[in-house]
Amino acid sequence: MVTLDEIAQLLYGVGDETPGWQGTQDDLIFFAETVFPGKAFCVVRQWILIDLIVTPDEAEKLKNLGLLPATLYAHEVVLDSKGRFQPNMWVRSNFGRSFLYGCMFETKNTVYLLWGSGQRKEATVGAAFSMSAG
């Protein structure tokens, strides 16, 4: 069972500072459209890249599915190309497929564009996926 303390530490505790994209939002979007043409994107700020604590068997299963043992949480959506998330909402992704250039976290359907600095933390799968909208 996930405790409130685990979730609080994940959302508000100290993590490893990670730079993300330091340029303009327009340049970040242009770069992402070059790397992932036609793929939906979501620009986020105040983000946390979550390395999931998994067993070796779970890691192998994820690898075989082409997934990373990682997910992304962002306190602030800036812009969602498909209008799924409104500005200032929070968002949590599904498992990642790739993490490129220190600023692009790709999932099956979306590339999350990490604008500005964020944090990198470890968490259990239960704690990371306990947050859901609605």
C-alpha atoms as a PDB file:
ATOM      1  CA  MET A   1       0.000   0.000   0.000  1.00  0.00           C
ATOM      2  CA  VAL A   2       1.278   3.457  -0.945  1.00  0.00           C
ATOM      3  CA  THR A   3       1.522   5.941   1.903  1.00  0.00           C
ATOM      4  CA  LEU A   4       0.770   9.638   1.819  1.00  0.00           C
ATOM      5  CA  ASP A   5       4.375  10.263   2.876  1.00  0.00           C
ATOM      6  CA  GLU A   6       5.671   8.392  -0.211  1.00  0.00           C
ATOM      7  CA  ILE A   7       3.535  10.533  -2.505  1.00  0.00           C
ATOM      8  CA  ALA A   8       4.488  13.755  -0.689  1.00  0.00           C
ATOM      9  CA  GLN A   9       8.193  12.883  -0.998  1.00  0.00           C
ATOM     10  CA  LEU A  10       7.751  12.121  -4.680  1.00  0.00           C
ATOM     11  CA  LEU A  11       5.942  15.367  -5.416  1.00  0.00           C
ATOM     12  CA  TYR A  12       7.688  17.767  -3.052  1.00  0.00           C
ATOM     13  CA  GLY A  13      10.819  16.086  -1.701  1.00  0.00           C
ATOM     14  CA  VAL A  14      14.348  16.805  -2.845  1.00  0.00           C
ATOM     15  CA  GLY A  15      15.574  15.148  -6.028  1.00  0.00           C
ATOM     16  CA  ASP A  16      18.531  15.503  -8.368  1.00  0.00           C
ATOM     17  CA  GLU A  17      18.252  18.803 -10.246  1.00  0.00           C
ATOM     18  CA  THR A  18      18.160  18.233 -14.003  1.00  0.00           C
ATOM     19  CA  PRO A  19      18.442  21.094 -16.520  1.00  0.00           C
ATOM     20  CA  GLY A  20      15.865  20.323 -19.241  1.00  0.00           C
ATOM     21  CA  TRP A  21      15.574  22.756 -22.182  1.00  0.00           C
ATOM     22  CA  GLN A  22      17.011  26.180 -21.415  1.00  0.00           C
ATOM     23  CA  GLY A  23      16.034  27.964 -24.655  1.00  0.00           C
ATOM     24  CA  THR A  24      12.719  29.360 -25.826  1.00  0.00           C
ATOM     25  CA  GLN A  25       9.470  27.421 -26.002  1.00  0.00           C
ATOM     26  CA  ASP A  26       9.273  27.969 -29.774  1.00  0.00           C
ATOM     27  CA  ASP A  27      12.786  26.572 -30.280  1.00  0.00           C
ATOM     28  CA  LEU A  28      11.946  23.549 -28.124  1.00  0.00           C
ATOM     29  CA  ILE A  29       8.799  22.830 -30.145  1.00  0.00           C
ATOM     30  CA  PHE A  30      10.684  23.232 -33.439  1.00  0.00           C
ATOM     31  CA  PHE A  31      13.391  20.832 -32.213  1.00  0.00           C
ATOM     32  CA  ALA A  32      10.788  18.268 -31.103  1.00  0.00           C
ATOM     33  CA  GLU A  33       8.937  18.480 -34.425  1.00  0.00           C
ATOM     34  CA  THR A  34      12.247  17.792 -36.186  1.00  0.00           C
ATOM     35  CA  VAL A  35      13.023  14.748 -34.007  1.00  0.00           C
ATOM     36  CA  PHE A  36       9.414  13.442 -33.785  1.00  0.00           C
ATOM     37  CA  PRO A  37       7.570  14.751 -36.872  1.00  0.00           C
ATOM     38  CA  GLY A  38       3.780  14.548 -36.529  1.00  0.00           C
ATOM     39  CA  LYS A  39       3.835  13.231 -32.952  1.00  0.00           C
ATOM     40  CA  ALA A  40       1.688  14.939 -30.305  1.00  0.00           C
ATOM     41  CA  PHE A  41       3.654  16.975 -27.791  1.00  0.00           C
ATOM     42  CA  CYS A  42       3.082  18.491 -24.387  1.00  0.00           C
ATOM     43  CA  VAL A  43       5.315  21.298 -23.091  1.00  0.00           C
ATOM     44  CA  VAL A  44       5.711  21.049 -19.310  1.00  0.00           C
ATOM     45  CA  ARG A  45       7.468  22.907 -16.486  1.00  0.00           C
ATOM     46  CA  GLN A  46       8.267  21.940 -12.898  1.00  0.00           C
ATOM     47  CA  TRP A  47       8.688  18.344 -13.961  1.00  0.00           C
ATOM     48  CA  ILE A  48       9.910  15.202 -12.253  1.00  0.00           C
ATOM     49  CA  LEU A  49      11.445  12.359 -14.235  1.00  0.00           C
ATOM     50  CA  ILE A  50      10.663   9.289 -12.134  1.00  0.00           C
ATOM     51  CA  ASP A  51      12.964   6.292 -12.338  1.00  0.00           C
ATOM     52  CA  LEU A  52      10.788   3.404 -11.247  1.00  0.00           C
ATOM     53  CA  ILE A  53      12.021   0.887  -8.726  1.00  0.00           C
ATOM     54  CA  VAL A  54      11.369  -2.473 -10.384  1.00  0.00           C
ATOM     55  CA  THR A  55      12.594  -6.023 -10.016  1.00  0.00           C
ATOM     56  CA  PRO A  56      14.967  -7.465 -12.619  1.00  0.00           C
ATOM     57  CA  ASP A  57      12.051  -9.512 -14.033  1.00  0.00           C
ATOM     58  CA  GLU A  58       9.853  -6.395 -14.314  1.00  0.00           C
ATOM     59  CA  ALA A  59      12.712  -4.491 -15.968  1.00  0.00           C
ATOM     60  CA  GLU A  60      13.133  -7.276 -18.510  1.00  0.00           C
ATOM     61  CA  LYS A  61       9.386  -7.339 -19.291  1.00  0.00           C
ATOM     62  CA  LEU A  62       9.363  -3.578 -19.837  1.00  0.00           C
ATOM     63  CA  LYS A  63      12.458  -3.813 -22.047  1.00  0.00           C
ATOM     64  CA  ASN A  64      10.801  -6.531 -24.154  1.00  0.00           C
ATOM     65  CA  LEU A  65       7.816  -4.194 -24.622  1.00  0.00           C
ATOM     66  CA  GLY A  66      10.128  -1.371 -25.719  1.00  0.00           C
ATOM     67  CA  LEU A  67       9.451   0.585 -22.532  1.00  0.00           C
ATOM     68  CA  LEU A  68      11.647   2.266 -19.941  1.00  0.00           C
ATOM     69  CA  PRO A  69      11.179   1.761 -16.205  1.00  0.00           C
ATOM     70  CA  ALA A  70      10.370   5.473 -16.011  1.00  0.00           C
ATOM     71  CA  THR A  71       7.452   7.883 -16.073  1.00  0.00           C
ATOM     72  CA  LEU A  72       7.094  11.647 -15.950  1.00  0.00           C
ATOM     73  CA  TYR A  73       5.105  13.895 -13.643  1.00  0.00           C
ATOM     74  CA  ALA A  74       4.783  17.635 -14.278  1.00  0.00           C
ATOM     75  CA  HIS A  75       3.263  20.182 -11.937  1.00  0.00           C
ATOM     76  CA  GLU A  76       2.505  22.511 -14.855  1.00  0.00           C
ATOM     77  CA  VAL A  77       1.297  21.939 -18.398  1.00  0.00           C
ATOM     78  CA  VAL A  78       2.270  24.892 -20.582  1.00  0.00           C
ATOM     79  CA  LEU A  79       0.916  23.754 -23.959  1.00  0.00           C
ATOM     80  CA  ASP A  80      -0.572  20.516 -25.256  1.00  0.00           C
ATOM     81  CA  SER A  81      -0.600  20.210 -29.053  1.00  0.00           C
ATOM     82  CA  LYS A  82      -3.811  18.135 -29.022  1.00  0.00           C
ATOM     83  CA  GLY A  83      -5.652  20.159 -26.366  1.00  0.00           C
ATOM     84  CA  ARG A  84      -5.946  17.188 -24.005  1.00  0.00           C
ATOM     85  CA  PHE A  85      -4.507  19.111 -21.062  1.00  0.00           C
ATOM     86  CA  GLN A  86      -5.213  22.743 -20.260  1.00  0.00           C
ATOM     87  CA  PRO A  87      -2.443  25.170 -19.236  1.00  0.00           C
ATOM     88  CA  ASN A  88      -1.549  25.029 -15.522  1.00  0.00           C
ATOM     89  CA  MET A  89      -2.938  21.470 -15.123  1.00  0.00           C
ATOM     90  CA  TRP A  90      -0.655  18.731 -13.842  1.00  0.00           C
ATOM     91  CA  VAL A  91       0.046  15.598 -15.861  1.00  0.00           C
ATOM     92  CA  ARG A  92       1.551  12.158 -15.318  1.00  0.00           C
ATOM     93  CA  SER A  93       2.647  10.127 -18.311  1.00  0.00           C
ATOM     94  CA  ASN A  94       2.559   6.418 -18.989  1.00  0.00           C
ATOM     95  CA  PHE A  95       5.783   4.410 -19.175  1.00  0.00           C
ATOM     96  CA  GLY A  96       8.405   6.083 -21.337  1.00  0.00           C
ATOM     97  CA  ARG A  97       9.834   4.816 -24.602  1.00  0.00           C
ATOM     98  CA  SER A  98      12.831   7.140 -24.785  1.00  0.00           C
ATOM     99  CA  PHE A  99      14.469  10.064 -23.041  1.00  0.00           C
ATOM    100  CA  LEU A 100      16.443  12.166 -25.500  1.00  0.00           C
ATOM    101  CA  TYR A 101      18.645  15.248 -25.327  1.00  0.00           C
ATOM    102  CA  GLY A 102      17.762  15.782 -21.662  1.00  0.00           C
ATOM    103  CA  CYS A 103      14.508  17.495 -22.658  1.00  0.00           C
ATOM    104  CA  MET A 104      12.265  15.017 -24.517  1.00  0.00           C
ATOM    105  CA  PHE A 105      10.464  12.194 -22.714  1.00  0.00           C
ATOM    106  CA  GLU A 106       8.650  10.061 -25.280  1.00  0.00           C
ATOM    107  CA  THR A 107       5.700   7.782 -24.558  1.00  0.00           C
ATOM    108  CA  LYS A 108       3.615   5.784 -27.029  1.00  0.00           C
ATOM    109  CA  ASN A 109       1.391   8.743 -27.947  1.00  0.00           C
ATOM    110  CA  THR A 110       3.164  11.882 -26.744  1.00  0.00           C
ATOM    111  CA  VAL A 111       6.535  13.585 -26.455  1.00  0.00           C
ATOM    112  CA  TYR A 112       6.746  15.548 -23.215  1.00  0.00           C
ATOM    113  CA  LEU A 113       8.957  18.578 -23.722  1.00  0.00           C
ATOM    114  CA  LEU A 114      10.783  19.414 -20.508  1.00  0.00           C
ATOM    115  CA  TRP A 115      11.102  23.191 -20.502  1.00  0.00           C
ATOM    116  CA  GLY A 116      13.393  24.563 -17.823  1.00  0.00           C
ATOM    117  CA  SER A 117      14.931  22.672 -14.978  1.00  0.00           C
ATOM    118  CA  GLY A 118      13.246  19.803 -13.193  1.00  0.00           C
ATOM    119  CA  GLN A 119      14.144  16.925 -10.938  1.00  0.00           C
ATOM    120  CA  ARG A 120      14.955  13.265 -11.242  1.00  0.00           C
ATOM    121  CA  LYS A 121      13.787  10.932  -8.478  1.00  0.00           C
ATOM    122  CA  GLU A 122      13.204   7.256  -7.761  1.00  0.00           C
ATOM    123  CA  ALA A 123       9.840   5.874  -6.706  1.00  0.00           C
ATOM    124  CA  THR A 124       7.912   2.653  -6.572  1.00  0.00           C
ATOM    125  CA  VAL A 125       5.495   1.888  -9.380  1.00  0.00           C
ATOM    126  CA  GLY A 126       2.667   2.126  -6.845  1.00  0.00           C
ATOM    127  CA  ALA A 127       3.614   5.637  -5.743  1.00  0.00           C
ATOM    128  CA  ALA A 128       4.252   6.924  -9.263  1.00  0.00           C
ATOM    129  CA  PHE A 129       1.022   5.594 -10.713  1.00  0.00           C
ATOM    130  CA  SER A 130      -1.171   6.368  -7.695  1.00  0.00           C
ATOM    131  CA  MET A 131      -1.821   9.838  -9.105  1.00  0.00           C
ATOM    132  CA  SER A 132      -4.587  10.020 -11.676  1.00  0.00           C
ATOM    133  CA  ALA A 133      -6.819  12.797 -12.927  1.00  0.00           C
ATOM    134  CA  GLY A 134     -10.531  12.388 -12.504  1.00  0.00           C
END
